[in-house]
Amino acid sequence: MADPVVVEMANRLAEECLAVQGEVGDDRLFMQVGDVLGASSQTLEEAFLTAVRTRMANDAGRRFLAQKLKAHQAAAKSE
């Protein structure tokens, strides 16, 4: 497990990166940031990529659940 300070830095950077990524419309920006980090700290790179991927997975899961609920509610209304 990474040092808690490293995890905290990675989490903050992941939040910032995802915000910029959404603003500029580059859905692979996090990979470029990971490359920059990896040039000097593999530990921070791995923590950052984990933080980004878990956030992206969380967002995808939430979108999926929202779509399922919307479809269920639409089906219930049409009955």
N, C-alpha and C. Protein backbone atom coordinates (compact mmCIF):
# COMPACT_ATOMS: atom_id res chain seq x y z
N MET A 1 0.85 -1.18 0.00
CA MET A 1 0.00 0.00 0.00
C MET A 1 0.89 1.23 0.00
N ALA A 2 0.49 2.21 -0.78
CA ALA A 2 1.26 3.45 -0.89
C ALA A 2 1.13 4.29 0.38
N ASP A 3 2.11 5.11 0.57
CA ASP A 3 2.12 6.07 1.66
C ASP A 3 0.83 6.91 1.59
N PRO A 4 0.18 7.17 2.73
CA PRO A 4 -1.06 7.96 2.72
C PRO A 4 -0.90 9.33 2.07
N VAL A 5 0.26 9.93 2.17
CA VAL A 5 0.50 11.23 1.54
C VAL A 5 0.46 11.08 0.02
N VAL A 6 1.03 10.00 -0.48
CA VAL A 6 1.02 9.74 -1.92
C VAL A 6 -0.41 9.53 -2.39
N VAL A 7 -1.18 8.77 -1.64
CA VAL A 7 -2.58 8.51 -2.01
C VAL A 7 -3.37 9.82 -2.01
N GLU A 8 -3.13 10.66 -1.03
CA GLU A 8 -3.82 11.95 -0.98
C GLU A 8 -3.46 12.82 -2.18
N MET A 9 -2.17 12.88 -2.51
CA MET A 9 -1.74 13.65 -3.69
C MET A 9 -2.39 13.09 -4.95
N ALA A 10 -2.38 11.78 -5.08
CA ALA A 10 -2.95 11.13 -6.26
C ALA A 10 -4.44 11.41 -6.37
N ASN A 11 -5.14 11.37 -5.25
CA ASN A 11 -6.58 11.64 -5.26
C ASN A 11 -6.88 13.08 -5.69
N ARG A 12 -6.12 14.02 -5.15
CA ARG A 12 -6.34 15.43 -5.53
C ARG A 12 -6.03 15.64 -7.00
N LEU A 13 -4.92 15.07 -7.46
CA LEU A 13 -4.54 15.21 -8.86
C LEU A 13 -5.57 14.54 -9.77
N ALA A 14 -6.09 13.41 -9.36
CA ALA A 14 -7.11 12.72 -10.16
C ALA A 14 -8.36 13.58 -10.30
N GLU A 15 -8.80 14.19 -9.21
CA GLU A 15 -9.98 15.07 -9.27
C GLU A 15 -9.74 16.24 -10.23
N GLU A 16 -8.56 16.86 -10.12
CA GLU A 16 -8.23 17.98 -10.99
C GLU A 16 -8.13 17.54 -12.44
N CYS A 17 -7.48 16.41 -12.66
CA CYS A 17 -7.31 15.91 -14.02
C CYS A 17 -8.66 15.60 -14.67
N LEU A 18 -9.55 14.94 -13.94
CA LEU A 18 -10.86 14.62 -14.51
C LEU A 18 -11.67 15.87 -14.82
N ALA A 19 -11.52 16.90 -14.00
CA ALA A 19 -12.20 18.16 -14.28
C ALA A 19 -11.67 18.79 -15.56
N VAL A 20 -10.34 18.83 -15.70
CA VAL A 20 -9.74 19.40 -16.91
C VAL A 20 -10.08 18.53 -18.11
N GLN A 21 -10.03 17.23 -17.93
CA GLN A 21 -10.35 16.29 -18.99
C GLN A 21 -11.75 16.55 -19.54
N GLY A 22 -12.70 16.76 -18.64
CA GLY A 22 -14.06 17.06 -19.07
C GLY A 22 -14.16 18.41 -19.77
N GLU A 23 -13.42 19.37 -19.27
CA GLU A 23 -13.45 20.72 -19.85
C GLU A 23 -12.87 20.75 -21.26
N VAL A 24 -11.75 20.07 -21.47
CA VAL A 24 -11.09 20.12 -22.77
C VAL A 24 -11.60 19.03 -23.73
N GLY A 25 -12.36 18.07 -23.21
CA GLY A 25 -12.93 17.03 -24.07
C GLY A 25 -11.95 15.96 -24.50
N ASP A 26 -10.90 15.74 -23.72
CA ASP A 26 -9.91 14.72 -24.03
C ASP A 26 -10.04 13.59 -23.01
N ASP A 27 -10.73 12.51 -23.39
CA ASP A 27 -11.01 11.45 -22.44
C ASP A 27 -9.80 10.57 -22.13
N ARG A 28 -8.66 10.84 -22.71
CA ARG A 28 -7.44 10.09 -22.43
C ARG A 28 -6.36 10.98 -21.80
N LEU A 29 -6.72 12.17 -21.40
CA LEU A 29 -5.76 13.09 -20.78
C LEU A 29 -5.09 12.45 -19.57
N PHE A 30 -5.84 11.68 -18.81
CA PHE A 30 -5.28 11.05 -17.62
C PHE A 30 -4.11 10.13 -17.95
N MET A 31 -4.10 9.54 -19.13
CA MET A 31 -2.99 8.68 -19.53
C MET A 31 -1.73 9.52 -19.77
N GLN A 32 -1.90 10.69 -20.34
CA GLN A 32 -0.77 11.58 -20.56
C GLN A 32 -0.19 12.07 -19.23
N VAL A 33 -1.07 12.41 -18.30
CA VAL A 33 -0.62 12.82 -16.98
C VAL A 33 0.11 11.66 -16.31
N GLY A 34 -0.42 10.47 -16.46
CA GLY A 34 0.24 9.29 -15.91
C GLY A 34 1.65 9.10 -16.45
N ASP A 35 1.83 9.36 -17.74
CA ASP A 35 3.15 9.26 -18.34
C ASP A 35 4.11 10.28 -17.74
N VAL A 36 3.63 11.50 -17.53
CA VAL A 36 4.45 12.54 -16.91
C VAL A 36 4.86 12.11 -15.50
N LEU A 37 3.91 11.60 -14.74
CA LEU A 37 4.20 11.15 -13.38
C LEU A 37 5.18 9.99 -13.37
N GLY A 38 4.97 9.05 -14.27
CA GLY A 38 5.80 7.86 -14.32
C GLY A 38 7.26 8.15 -14.62
N ALA A 39 7.52 9.28 -15.27
CA ALA A 39 8.90 9.64 -15.58
C ALA A 39 9.71 9.93 -14.32
N SER A 40 9.01 10.29 -13.24
CA SER A 40 9.76 10.60 -12.01
C SER A 40 9.30 9.80 -10.79
N SER A 41 8.08 9.25 -10.82
CA SER A 41 7.61 8.49 -9.68
C SER A 41 6.59 7.44 -10.11
N GLN A 42 7.04 6.21 -10.20
CA GLN A 42 6.13 5.13 -10.56
C GLN A 42 5.07 4.94 -9.48
N THR A 43 5.43 5.19 -8.23
CA THR A 43 4.48 5.03 -7.13
C THR A 43 3.33 6.01 -7.27
N LEU A 44 3.64 7.29 -7.53
CA LEU A 44 2.58 8.28 -7.71
C LEU A 44 1.78 8.00 -8.97
N GLU A 45 2.45 7.56 -10.02
CA GLU A 45 1.75 7.23 -11.26
C GLU A 45 0.70 6.15 -11.01
N GLU A 46 1.09 5.08 -10.33
CA GLU A 46 0.16 3.98 -10.08
C GLU A 46 -1.00 4.41 -9.19
N ALA A 47 -0.70 5.19 -8.16
CA ALA A 47 -1.77 5.67 -7.27
C ALA A 47 -2.72 6.59 -8.03
N PHE A 48 -2.17 7.46 -8.87
CA PHE A 48 -2.98 8.38 -9.67
C PHE A 48 -3.88 7.61 -10.64
N LEU A 49 -3.30 6.66 -11.38
CA LEU A 49 -4.10 5.91 -12.35
C LEU A 49 -5.20 5.11 -11.65
N THR A 50 -4.89 4.56 -10.50
CA THR A 50 -5.92 3.85 -9.73
C THR A 50 -7.03 4.81 -9.32
N ALA A 51 -6.65 5.99 -8.84
CA ALA A 51 -7.64 6.98 -8.42
C ALA A 51 -8.53 7.41 -9.58
N VAL A 52 -7.93 7.64 -10.74
CA VAL A 52 -8.71 8.05 -11.92
C VAL A 52 -9.64 6.93 -12.35
N ARG A 53 -9.10 5.73 -12.46
CA ARG A 53 -9.91 4.61 -12.96
C ARG A 53 -11.06 4.26 -12.02
N THR A 54 -10.82 4.34 -10.72
CA THR A 54 -11.92 4.04 -9.81
C THR A 54 -13.01 5.11 -9.89
N ARG A 55 -12.62 6.36 -10.07
CA ARG A 55 -13.62 7.41 -10.23
C ARG A 55 -14.40 7.24 -11.53
N MET A 56 -13.69 6.90 -12.60
CA MET A 56 -14.35 6.69 -13.88
C MET A 56 -15.29 5.48 -13.81
N ALA A 57 -14.86 4.43 -13.13
CA ALA A 57 -15.71 3.25 -12.97
C ALA A 57 -16.95 3.58 -12.14
N ASN A 58 -16.76 4.37 -11.08
CA ASN A 58 -17.88 4.80 -10.25
C ASN A 58 -18.89 5.58 -11.09
N ASP A 59 -18.40 6.50 -11.90
CA ASP A 59 -19.29 7.30 -12.75
C ASP A 59 -20.04 6.42 -13.74
N ALA A 60 -19.33 5.46 -14.32
CA ALA A 60 -19.97 4.55 -15.28
C ALA A 60 -21.05 3.70 -14.58
N GLY A 61 -20.75 3.23 -13.40
CA GLY A 61 -21.73 2.46 -12.64
C GLY A 61 -22.96 3.28 -12.31
N ARG A 62 -22.75 4.51 -11.91
CA ARG A 62 -23.89 5.39 -11.59
C ARG A 62 -24.74 5.70 -12.82
N ARG A 63 -24.07 5.92 -13.97
CA ARG A 63 -24.83 6.15 -15.22
C ARG A 63 -25.65 4.92 -15.58
N PHE A 64 -25.05 3.73 -15.42
CA PHE A 64 -25.75 2.49 -15.71
C PHE A 64 -26.99 2.34 -14.84
N LEU A 65 -26.83 2.58 -13.53
CA LEU A 65 -27.97 2.46 -12.62
C LEU A 65 -29.06 3.48 -12.95
N ALA A 66 -28.65 4.70 -13.29
CA ALA A 66 -29.63 5.74 -13.65
C ALA A 66 -30.41 5.33 -14.90
N GLN A 67 -29.71 4.75 -15.88
CA GLN A 67 -30.39 4.30 -17.11
C GLN A 67 -31.35 3.15 -16.81
N LYS A 68 -30.94 2.22 -15.97
CA LYS A 68 -31.81 1.10 -15.60
C LYS A 68 -33.06 1.60 -14.89
N LEU A 69 -32.88 2.52 -13.95
CA LEU A 69 -34.02 3.07 -13.22
C LEU A 69 -34.95 3.82 -14.16
N LYS A 70 -34.39 4.61 -15.07
CA LYS A 70 -35.20 5.36 -16.02
C LYS A 70 -36.00 4.41 -16.91
N ALA A 71 -35.36 3.34 -17.38
CA ALA A 71 -36.05 2.36 -18.22
C ALA A 71 -37.15 1.66 -17.43
N HIS A 72 -36.88 1.32 -16.20
CA HIS A 72 -37.88 0.66 -15.35
C HIS A 72 -39.07 1.59 -15.12
N GLN A 73 -38.80 2.84 -14.81
CA GLN A 73 -39.89 3.79 -14.56
C GLN A 73 -40.71 4.03 -15.83
N ALA A 74 -40.06 4.08 -16.99
CA ALA A 74 -40.77 4.25 -18.25
C ALA A 74 -41.67 3.04 -18.53
N ALA A 75 -41.15 1.86 -18.26
CA ALA A 75 -41.94 0.64 -18.46
C ALA A 75 -43.11 0.59 -17.50
N ALA A 76 -42.93 1.02 -16.27
CA ALA A 76 -44.00 1.03 -15.29
C ALA A 76 -45.10 2.02 -15.66
N LYS A 77 -44.74 3.13 -16.26
CA LYS A 77 -45.73 4.13 -16.67
C LYS A 77 -46.58 3.62 -17.83
N SER A 78 -45.95 2.83 -18.71
CA SER A 78 -46.68 2.37 -19.89
C SER A 78 -47.59 1.18 -19.61
N GLU A 79 -47.52 0.64 -18.40
CA GLU A 79 -48.37 -0.51 -18.06
C GLU A 79 -49.76 -0.10 -17.68
